[in-house]
């Protein structure tokens, strides 16, 4: 029966997402507007980030940086949580219907959505539906009233009084046992209806989709099937992407999520391009372990990943290299910018939706949380890596210009040693990427479908030749090239 239902499922994934370039923003650290009144106890913007301290970034600050984002080539924004919370990351939700006052409140989100949509930018918010916070009203009622609270079935309560500030058995289920994050009891109809109402409220408000935090911890297919149905009823183009770190087949059958944060493809890319890997920091994150790959192992891993899902899903997967939950990409690669450029080139060439983590285009480094959540260095442009930003901006321009880079059929032309040649074709749009991750230059001679002539690397000055449908040239050590044929 499962197989039959899967075949009949709605495999549609939003078209706009398959052409998007996402940019992930951690609101407290991206930009600060003088239009939002702030409390006095903020950390200095450029001081090292801490676990509990606030920098004071807000949504109107993002509005004031939309020109920057558009100039870079961004077409969609994914925000870490924005709702009222007593934490700088806002995964401890107090009120799901109020944007945090420090971010500018609901009015700031209204302005952000209006200004973004005028520019053709989509906005996806982070939905934290597995757990709430100690300050969430229904949980607070249990803290105050114990076993007389009418909300006991909203959470998994085991004994009274609740020990909500730690030190022994806390008396209720919480995310990873953290007392600040009581886990919802989604078997309770009132809880389900509440969470569905949150999802649809903000879609009516105008957001374009949801990124779902730890959705695997609500291990209930019917919950997520109903979530999808409710969201699609409000906005048929709503993009639903889950935070799943490993095999996500269960959630990508066409009846739950459109896509997931594609950490497996990030592991594969890193494994292929890395000169060295920061194993200690990788182990602190959900990546856990990244294995070195040669060219054949790399393309075999891609084949496994792509074969797990139908094309509609593969094209919608959120391809990222890092996030707020991992070390920065440059740190993972032990500060090797050449390897980072190769990784970004593959990220934008492979099927899926590319997503940049704020500041990575400037060469920001950072260990695992909290170092990976530093403030955006707007006033320190002399320290920006302008060359890296220019490289990424150029790549984004090519991505928008050539449909094959967004939706083209993917094919492996060559994989040997530490060099791959990959192809994407869509009607008259045809692109080839060449990545040599070896420490020495290599001669290229592979068969392609292209007219004879000279083809200049769209990312640099090197020229390759096609004669008799043979693509030839010398590929420098540790280099990547993009050819539009």
Protein backbone atom coordinates (compact mmCIF):
# COMPACT_ATOMS: atom_id res chain seq x y z
CA UNK A 1 0.00 0.00 0.00
CA UNK A 2 2.84 2.40 0.77
CA UNK A 3 4.26 1.89 -2.74
CA UNK A 4 0.90 2.58 -4.39
CA UNK A 5 0.33 5.74 -2.34
CA UNK A 6 3.82 6.97 -3.15
CA UNK A 7 3.29 6.56 -6.89
CA UNK A 8 0.07 8.56 -6.65
CA UNK A 9 1.53 11.30 -4.46
CA UNK A 10 1.79 14.92 -5.50
CA UNK A 11 5.40 15.12 -6.68
CA UNK A 12 5.08 18.80 -7.57
CA UNK A 13 7.82 21.02 -6.18
CA UNK A 14 7.66 24.82 -6.60
CA UNK A 15 9.07 26.01 -9.90
CA UNK A 16 10.42 29.25 -8.47
CA UNK A 17 12.59 27.37 -5.98
CA UNK A 18 14.32 25.43 -8.77
CA UNK A 19 15.60 28.71 -10.22
CA UNK A 20 16.46 30.41 -6.93
CA UNK A 21 19.73 31.32 -5.25
CA UNK A 22 19.16 31.30 -1.49
CA UNK A 23 20.99 33.32 1.14
CA UNK A 24 20.69 32.24 4.76
CA UNK A 25 20.43 35.02 7.32
CA UNK A 26 20.90 34.70 11.08
CA UNK A 27 18.84 37.79 12.03
CA UNK A 28 20.68 38.85 15.18
CA UNK A 29 24.00 38.99 13.31
CA UNK A 30 23.29 40.26 9.78
CA UNK A 31 22.40 43.96 9.93
CA UNK A 32 21.19 46.51 12.46
CA UNK A 33 18.83 49.39 11.67
CA UNK A 34 18.60 52.59 13.67
CA UNK A 35 14.84 52.46 13.04
CA UNK A 36 14.44 49.62 15.58
CA UNK A 37 14.70 50.64 19.24
CA UNK A 38 17.05 48.33 21.12
CA UNK A 39 17.69 47.45 24.77
CA UNK A 40 20.91 48.70 26.30
CA UNK A 41 22.64 45.42 27.08
CA UNK A 42 23.80 44.45 23.60
CA UNK A 43 27.26 43.09 22.86
CA UNK A 44 29.46 45.26 20.62
CA UNK A 45 28.77 44.32 17.00
CA UNK A 46 32.35 43.29 16.26
CA UNK A 47 33.12 41.52 19.54
CA UNK A 48 33.45 37.72 19.36
CA UNK A 49 30.01 36.07 19.35
CA UNK A 50 28.89 34.33 22.53
CA UNK A 51 26.32 31.64 23.24
CA UNK A 52 23.84 33.92 24.99
CA UNK A 53 24.73 37.47 23.96
CA UNK A 54 22.75 39.60 21.51
CA UNK A 55 24.23 41.83 18.81
CA UNK A 56 20.91 43.47 17.92
CA UNK A 57 20.48 42.71 14.24
CA UNK A 58 16.92 43.15 12.97
CA UNK A 59 14.67 42.74 9.94
CA UNK A 60 14.72 46.40 8.94
CA UNK A 61 18.50 46.09 8.80
CA UNK A 62 17.96 43.37 6.20
CA UNK A 63 15.62 45.66 4.25
CA UNK A 64 18.38 48.25 4.15
CA UNK A 65 20.79 45.66 2.71
CA UNK A 66 18.53 44.33 -0.06
CA UNK A 67 20.50 46.30 -2.65
CA UNK A 68 23.64 44.46 -1.54
CA UNK A 69 21.93 41.08 -1.79
CA UNK A 70 20.48 41.79 -5.22
CA UNK A 71 23.82 43.04 -6.48
CA UNK A 72 25.37 39.76 -5.37
CA UNK A 73 22.72 37.84 -7.33
CA UNK A 74 20.53 36.50 -4.52
CA UNK A 75 16.88 35.74 -5.35
CA UNK A 76 15.58 34.12 -2.13
CA UNK A 77 16.17 34.58 1.60
CA UNK A 78 16.02 31.93 4.31
CA UNK A 79 15.83 33.30 7.85
CA UNK A 80 16.66 31.54 11.07
CA UNK A 81 13.72 31.97 13.50
CA UNK A 82 12.24 35.44 13.86
CA UNK A 83 9.49 34.89 16.43
CA UNK A 84 9.52 36.21 19.99
CA UNK A 85 12.10 34.33 22.02
CA UNK A 86 14.57 34.65 24.88
CA UNK A 87 17.58 33.52 22.85
CA UNK A 88 19.71 35.16 20.18
CA UNK A 89 19.02 32.27 17.77
CA UNK A 90 15.28 32.27 18.61
CA UNK A 91 14.79 28.51 18.56
CA UNK A 92 13.18 28.96 22.03
CA UNK A 93 9.82 30.31 20.85
CA UNK A 94 7.64 32.29 23.27
CA UNK A 95 4.96 33.50 20.84
CA UNK A 96 4.57 32.00 17.38
CA UNK A 97 2.33 34.84 16.21
CA UNK A 98 4.67 37.71 17.08
CA UNK A 99 7.96 38.64 15.45
CA UNK A 100 10.49 39.39 18.17
CA UNK A 101 10.36 43.08 19.17
CA UNK A 102 14.15 43.28 18.97
CA UNK A 103 13.83 42.34 15.29
CA UNK A 104 11.23 45.09 14.74
CA UNK A 105 8.02 43.16 15.38
CA UNK A 106 5.39 42.15 12.85
CA UNK A 107 5.58 45.53 11.12
CA UNK A 108 9.24 44.93 10.26
CA UNK A 109 8.43 41.56 8.70
CA UNK A 110 5.62 43.23 6.74
CA UNK A 111 8.07 45.78 5.34
CA UNK A 112 10.66 43.10 4.62
CA UNK A 113 8.16 40.99 2.70
CA UNK A 114 6.79 43.94 0.75
CA UNK A 115 10.21 45.25 -0.21
CA UNK A 116 11.54 41.78 -1.03
CA UNK A 117 8.56 40.87 -3.18
CA UNK A 118 8.82 44.17 -5.08
CA UNK A 119 12.30 43.05 -6.07
CA UNK A 120 11.25 39.51 -6.94
CA UNK A 121 12.91 38.04 -3.83
CA UNK A 122 11.24 35.15 -2.02
CA UNK A 123 11.29 34.80 1.79
CA UNK A 124 11.32 31.50 3.71
CA UNK A 125 11.06 31.39 7.51
CA UNK A 126 12.30 28.82 10.01
CA UNK A 127 9.50 26.82 11.66
CA UNK A 128 10.29 25.32 15.06
CA UNK A 129 7.37 22.95 15.59
CA UNK A 130 8.97 20.12 17.55
CA UNK A 131 9.50 22.12 20.74
CA UNK A 132 8.69 25.46 22.33
CA UNK A 133 10.29 27.20 25.32
CA UNK A 134 9.88 27.64 29.03
CA UNK A 135 8.29 31.00 28.24
CA UNK A 136 5.65 29.55 25.92
CA UNK A 137 2.29 30.32 27.51
CA UNK A 138 0.86 26.80 27.74
CA UNK A 139 4.08 25.42 29.23
CA UNK A 140 4.30 28.35 31.64
CA UNK A 141 0.78 27.52 32.80
CA UNK A 142 1.97 24.04 33.78
CA UNK A 143 4.90 25.59 35.68
CA UNK A 144 2.43 27.75 37.61
CA UNK A 145 -0.41 25.30 38.15
CA UNK A 146 1.16 21.84 38.09
CA UNK A 147 -1.26 18.96 37.62
CA UNK A 148 -4.21 21.39 37.64
CA UNK A 149 -3.11 23.02 34.37
CA UNK A 150 -5.51 22.50 31.44
CA UNK A 151 -2.51 22.20 29.11
CA UNK A 152 -0.91 19.05 30.49
CA UNK A 153 -1.50 17.14 27.26
CA UNK A 154 0.35 19.80 25.22
CA UNK A 155 3.67 18.36 26.45
CA UNK A 156 5.09 15.04 27.65
CA UNK A 157 4.89 15.58 31.41
CA UNK A 158 6.08 12.75 33.68
CA UNK A 159 6.05 14.17 37.20
CA UNK A 160 5.43 17.30 39.29
CA UNK A 161 6.65 19.82 40.02
CA UNK A 162 8.54 20.36 36.78
CA UNK A 163 12.23 21.02 37.25
CA UNK A 164 12.45 23.49 34.37
CA UNK A 165 15.84 24.95 35.24
CA UNK A 166 17.80 21.72 35.38
CA UNK A 167 19.60 19.77 38.06
CA UNK A 168 18.30 16.21 37.94
CA UNK A 169 15.18 14.83 36.30
CA UNK A 170 13.33 17.75 34.71
CA UNK A 171 10.03 15.83 34.69
CA UNK A 172 9.15 16.28 31.00
CA UNK A 173 10.47 15.47 27.54
CA UNK A 174 12.67 18.13 25.98
CA UNK A 175 14.76 18.40 22.83
CA UNK A 176 18.02 16.57 23.58
CA UNK A 177 17.03 16.77 27.25
CA UNK A 178 17.55 20.54 27.37
CA UNK A 179 15.08 21.94 29.92
CA UNK A 180 14.71 25.20 27.97
CA UNK A 181 13.13 23.31 25.04
CA UNK A 182 10.03 21.33 26.12
CA UNK A 183 8.84 19.01 23.37
CA UNK A 184 5.30 19.36 22.06
CA UNK A 185 2.96 16.39 22.31
CA UNK A 186 1.82 16.38 18.70
CA UNK A 187 -0.54 13.48 19.40
CA UNK A 188 -2.83 16.03 21.03
CA UNK A 189 -5.34 17.40 18.49
CA UNK A 190 -5.20 20.90 19.97
CA UNK A 191 -1.41 20.98 19.56
CA UNK A 192 -1.59 19.80 15.96
CA UNK A 193 -4.22 22.41 15.14
CA UNK A 194 -2.17 25.12 16.84
CA UNK A 195 0.95 24.31 14.84
CA UNK A 196 -0.96 24.08 11.56
CA UNK A 197 -2.55 27.46 12.34
CA UNK A 198 0.91 28.99 12.83
CA UNK A 199 2.04 27.66 9.45
CA UNK A 200 -0.99 28.97 7.59
CA UNK A 201 -1.10 32.31 9.46
CA UNK A 202 2.32 33.34 8.19
CA UNK A 203 1.63 32.05 4.68
CA UNK A 204 -1.44 34.27 4.62
CA UNK A 205 0.82 37.05 5.90
CA UNK A 206 2.91 36.58 2.77
CA UNK A 207 5.91 34.33 3.42
CA UNK A 208 6.88 31.98 0.58
CA UNK A 209 7.75 28.83 2.48
CA UNK A 210 8.98 27.05 5.59
CA UNK A 211 12.30 25.56 6.59
CA UNK A 212 11.41 22.98 9.25
CA UNK A 213 13.65 22.55 12.27
CA UNK A 214 14.37 18.92 13.33
CA UNK A 215 11.19 17.61 11.64
CA UNK A 216 12.38 14.00 11.98
CA UNK A 217 11.72 14.33 15.71
CA UNK A 218 8.01 14.57 14.92
CA UNK A 219 8.13 11.00 13.60
CA UNK A 220 4.57 11.07 12.32
CA UNK A 221 3.96 10.98 8.58
CA UNK A 222 0.31 11.98 8.99
CA UNK A 223 1.33 15.15 10.82
CA UNK A 224 3.59 16.28 7.98
CA UNK A 225 1.13 15.17 5.31
CA UNK A 226 -1.53 17.37 6.89
CA UNK A 227 1.01 20.18 7.30
CA UNK A 228 1.75 20.06 3.56
CA UNK A 229 -1.96 19.95 2.66
CA UNK A 230 -2.75 22.96 4.83
CA UNK A 231 0.20 24.97 3.50
CA UNK A 232 -0.50 24.13 -0.15
CA UNK A 233 -4.14 25.18 0.31
CA UNK A 234 -2.97 28.69 1.24
CA UNK A 235 -0.09 28.94 -1.25
CA UNK A 236 0.26 26.23 -3.90
CA UNK A 237 3.84 27.48 -4.51
CA UNK A 238 4.86 27.21 -0.85
CA UNK A 239 8.37 25.72 -0.57
CA UNK A 240 8.72 23.21 2.30
CA UNK A 241 12.27 22.17 3.15
CA UNK A 242 13.22 20.02 6.14
CA UNK A 243 16.36 19.85 8.23
CA UNK A 244 17.32 16.22 7.70
CA UNK A 245 21.04 15.44 7.90
CA UNK A 246 21.12 11.99 6.34
CA UNK A 247 18.83 9.82 4.21
CA UNK A 248 15.57 11.75 3.75
CA UNK A 249 13.72 9.31 1.50
CA UNK A 250 10.87 8.91 4.00
CA UNK A 251 10.00 12.61 3.83
CA UNK A 252 10.49 13.13 0.09
CA UNK A 253 7.77 10.88 -1.35
CA UNK A 254 5.71 13.82 -2.60
CA UNK A 255 3.36 13.98 0.39
CA UNK A 256 5.48 15.76 3.04
CA UNK A 257 8.46 17.99 2.09
CA UNK A 258 9.61 19.38 -1.23
CA UNK A 259 13.26 19.13 -0.26
CA UNK A 260 15.72 18.94 2.60
CA UNK A 261 18.87 20.80 3.53
CA UNK A 262 21.25 18.73 1.42
CA UNK A 263 24.06 18.06 3.89
CA UNK A 264 24.96 14.75 2.17
CA UNK A 265 25.91 16.55 -1.05
CA UNK A 266 28.00 18.99 1.00
CA UNK A 267 29.89 16.05 2.50
CA UNK A 268 30.56 14.68 -0.99
CA UNK A 269 31.78 18.03 -2.34
CA UNK A 270 34.09 18.60 0.62
CA UNK A 271 35.42 15.06 0.38
CA UNK A 272 36.42 15.62 -3.23
CA UNK A 273 37.87 19.16 -3.23
CA UNK A 274 39.48 19.32 0.22
CA UNK A 275 43.23 19.62 0.51
CA UNK A 276 42.77 19.17 4.25
CA UNK A 277 39.75 18.92 6.53
CA UNK A 278 39.22 20.38 9.99
CA UNK A 279 38.15 17.07 11.50
CA UNK A 280 37.90 18.36 15.07
CA UNK A 281 35.36 21.06 14.17
CA UNK A 282 33.53 18.79 11.74
CA UNK A 283 33.01 16.28 14.55
CA UNK A 284 31.36 18.95 16.69
CA UNK A 285 28.67 19.45 14.06
CA UNK A 286 26.04 17.27 12.44
CA UNK A 287 28.49 16.45 9.68
CA UNK A 288 30.31 14.20 12.19
CA UNK A 289 32.73 12.82 9.60
CA UNK A 290 33.71 13.74 6.04
CA UNK A 291 35.66 11.17 4.05
CA UNK A 292 38.19 12.02 1.35
CA UNK A 293 36.98 10.97 -2.12
CA UNK A 294 38.68 10.53 -5.45
CA UNK A 295 36.86 11.45 -8.66
CA UNK A 296 35.23 8.06 -9.16
CA UNK A 297 34.10 7.83 -5.54
CA UNK A 298 32.73 11.37 -5.78
CA UNK A 299 30.58 10.74 -8.86
CA UNK A 300 29.45 7.39 -7.46
CA UNK A 301 28.27 9.19 -4.33
CA UNK A 302 26.44 11.75 -6.49
CA UNK A 303 24.78 8.90 -8.35
CA UNK A 304 23.56 7.37 -5.10
CA UNK A 305 22.20 10.70 -3.87
CA UNK A 306 20.45 11.58 -7.12
CA UNK A 307 18.97 8.11 -7.62
CA UNK A 308 17.16 8.18 -4.28
CA UNK A 309 14.63 10.76 -5.43
CA UNK A 310 12.58 11.70 -8.45
CA UNK A 311 13.86 14.59 -10.61
CA UNK A 312 11.30 17.02 -9.18
CA UNK A 313 12.85 16.52 -5.76
CA UNK A 314 16.49 16.46 -6.88
CA UNK A 315 16.01 19.82 -8.61
CA UNK A 316 14.46 21.32 -5.46
CA UNK A 317 17.02 20.12 -2.89
CA UNK A 318 18.62 22.95 -0.89
CA UNK A 319 22.33 22.54 -1.67
CA UNK A 320 24.44 24.21 0.99
CA UNK A 321 28.05 24.00 2.13
CA UNK A 322 27.54 25.25 5.66
CA UNK A 323 24.95 26.78 7.96
CA UNK A 324 24.44 28.07 11.50
CA UNK A 325 24.76 24.43 12.62
CA UNK A 326 28.20 23.76 11.13
CA UNK A 327 31.61 25.39 11.05
CA UNK A 328 32.04 27.94 8.27
CA UNK A 329 32.99 26.47 4.89
CA UNK A 330 36.40 28.12 4.91
CA UNK A 331 37.08 26.68 8.37
CA UNK A 332 35.99 23.19 7.31
CA UNK A 333 38.56 23.44 4.49
CA UNK A 334 41.32 24.65 6.85
CA UNK A 335 41.40 28.16 5.33
CA UNK A 336 42.12 26.85 1.83
CA UNK A 337 40.41 29.38 -0.45
CA UNK A 338 41.24 27.42 -3.60
CA UNK A 339 39.34 24.44 -2.23
CA UNK A 340 36.46 26.73 -1.25
CA UNK A 341 36.19 28.07 -4.80
CA UNK A 342 36.10 24.55 -6.19
CA UNK A 343 33.41 23.61 -3.66
CA UNK A 344 31.26 26.63 -4.55
CA UNK A 345 31.65 25.94 -8.27
CA UNK A 346 30.35 22.40 -7.78
CA UNK A 347 27.60 23.59 -5.45
CA UNK A 348 26.25 25.87 -8.20
CA UNK A 349 26.72 23.34 -10.99
CA UNK A 350 25.15 20.24 -9.46
CA UNK A 351 21.36 19.72 -9.59
CA UNK A 352 19.55 21.43 -6.73
CA UNK A 353 19.03 24.91 -5.28
CA UNK A 354 22.23 26.65 -4.09
CA UNK A 355 22.23 28.38 -0.71
CA UNK A 356 24.94 30.66 0.69
CA UNK A 357 25.36 31.26 4.41
CA UNK A 358 25.62 34.99 5.14
CA UNK A 359 29.16 36.31 4.96
CA UNK A 360 30.68 33.29 3.27
CA UNK A 361 31.01 35.39 0.14
CA UNK A 362 33.35 37.68 2.10
CA UNK A 363 35.58 34.86 3.28
CA UNK A 364 34.28 34.71 6.85
CA UNK A 365 35.72 31.87 8.89
CA UNK A 366 34.41 30.43 12.12
CA UNK A 367 34.44 27.30 14.23
CA UNK A 368 31.26 25.59 15.37
CA UNK A 369 28.60 27.54 17.32
CA UNK A 370 28.96 30.30 18.43
CA UNK A 371 31.95 31.26 16.23
CA UNK A 372 30.03 30.51 13.03
CA UNK A 373 27.48 33.18 13.96
CA UNK A 374 29.65 36.28 13.96
CA UNK A 375 28.27 39.68 13.00
CA UNK A 376 28.41 40.69 9.33
CA UNK A 377 31.40 43.06 8.95
CA UNK A 378 29.67 45.94 7.15
CA UNK A 379 32.05 48.61 8.48
CA UNK A 380 35.20 46.58 7.82
CA UNK A 381 35.17 46.34 4.05
CA UNK A 382 38.96 46.59 3.99
CA UNK A 383 38.95 43.11 5.49
CA UNK A 384 36.51 41.64 2.97
CA UNK A 385 37.80 39.12 0.50
CA UNK A 386 36.72 41.15 -2.54
CA UNK A 387 38.24 38.66 -4.93
CA UNK A 388 36.16 35.80 -3.50
CA UNK A 389 33.03 37.93 -3.52
CA UNK A 390 33.69 38.83 -7.15
CA UNK A 391 34.13 35.16 -8.03
CA UNK A 392 30.83 34.24 -6.39
CA UNK A 393 29.00 37.20 -7.91
CA UNK A 394 30.28 36.21 -11.36
CA UNK A 395 29.18 32.62 -10.82
CA UNK A 396 25.71 33.75 -9.72
CA UNK A 397 25.44 35.87 -12.85
CA UNK A 398 26.23 32.85 -15.03
CA UNK A 399 23.76 30.77 -13.04
CA UNK A 400 20.95 33.21 -13.82
CA UNK A 401 22.02 33.62 -17.44
CA UNK A 402 22.22 29.96 -18.47
CA UNK A 403 19.17 27.72 -17.89
CA UNK A 404 21.28 24.56 -18.11
CA UNK A 405 22.96 25.48 -14.81
CA UNK A 406 19.56 25.54 -13.10
CA UNK A 407 17.54 22.76 -14.73
CA UNK A 408 19.79 20.99 -17.22
CA UNK A 409 20.08 17.22 -17.44
CA UNK A 410 23.15 16.14 -15.50
CA UNK A 411 25.78 13.80 -16.93
CA UNK A 412 29.25 12.64 -15.88
CA UNK A 413 31.66 12.86 -18.83
CA UNK A 414 34.92 11.97 -17.09
CA UNK A 415 36.01 10.90 -13.61
CA UNK A 416 39.52 9.67 -12.95
CA UNK A 417 42.11 10.32 -10.29
CA UNK A 418 41.16 13.70 -8.85
CA UNK A 419 39.58 15.25 -11.95
CA UNK A 420 35.95 15.31 -13.03
CA UNK A 421 34.23 16.70 -16.11
CA UNK A 422 30.50 17.15 -15.69
CA UNK A 423 27.83 18.31 -18.11
CA UNK A 424 24.38 19.90 -17.94
CA UNK A 425 22.14 20.39 -20.98
CA UNK A 426 18.71 21.95 -21.42
CA UNK A 427 17.54 22.49 -25.00
CA UNK A 428 20.01 25.00 -26.49
CA UNK A 429 21.72 25.70 -23.16
CA UNK A 430 24.82 23.56 -22.57
CA UNK A 431 27.49 23.87 -19.89
CA UNK A 432 30.47 21.80 -18.80
CA UNK A 433 32.41 22.08 -15.56
CA UNK A 434 35.98 20.83 -15.17
CA UNK A 435 37.43 20.40 -11.69
CA UNK A 436 40.98 19.23 -11.13
CA UNK A 437 41.50 18.64 -7.41
CA UNK A 438 44.95 17.17 -8.03
CA UNK A 439 48.19 18.90 -7.00
CA UNK A 440 49.51 18.76 -10.56
CA UNK A 441 48.22 19.91 -13.95
CA UNK A 442 46.48 17.34 -16.13
CA UNK A 443 45.83 17.07 -19.87
CA UNK A 444 42.18 16.89 -20.85
CA UNK A 445 40.86 14.97 -23.86
CA UNK A 446 37.19 13.98 -23.61
CA UNK A 447 34.26 13.66 -25.98
CA UNK A 448 31.53 16.32 -25.89
CA UNK A 449 28.65 17.33 -28.11
CA UNK A 450 29.73 20.76 -29.29
CA UNK A 451 30.77 22.66 -32.39
CA UNK A 452 34.46 22.86 -33.19
CA UNK A 453 36.17 25.97 -31.90
CA UNK A 454 37.81 27.70 -28.95
CA UNK A 455 35.87 28.03 -25.71
CA UNK A 456 36.99 30.40 -23.00
CA UNK A 457 36.47 29.54 -19.37
CA UNK A 458 33.57 31.73 -18.22
CA UNK A 459 35.30 32.19 -14.85
CA UNK A 460 38.78 33.08 -16.12
CA UNK A 461 41.12 33.51 -19.06
CA UNK A 462 41.96 29.92 -19.96
CA UNK A 463 40.82 28.61 -23.35
CA UNK A 464 39.87 25.05 -24.28
CA UNK A 465 39.53 23.59 -27.77
CA UNK A 466 36.87 21.41 -29.34
CA UNK A 467 37.80 19.55 -32.51
CA UNK A 468 35.90 16.59 -33.86
CA UNK A 469 33.82 16.76 -30.67
CA UNK A 470 36.93 16.24 -28.54
CA UNK A 471 37.42 18.77 -25.75
CA UNK A 472 41.09 19.31 -25.06
CA UNK A 473 43.29 21.54 -22.93
CA UNK A 474 45.67 21.69 -20.02
CA UNK A 475 43.89 21.82 -16.67
CA UNK A 476 46.01 23.52 -14.04
CA UNK A 477 46.49 22.01 -10.60
CA UNK A 478 43.68 22.66 -8.12
CA UNK A 479 41.57 24.56 -10.65
CA UNK A 480 37.93 24.71 -11.75
CA UNK A 481 36.54 25.85 -15.10
CA UNK A 482 33.07 26.49 -16.46
CA UNK A 483 32.51 26.30 -20.22
CA UNK A 484 29.36 27.38 -22.00
CA UNK A 485 29.28 25.33 -25.19
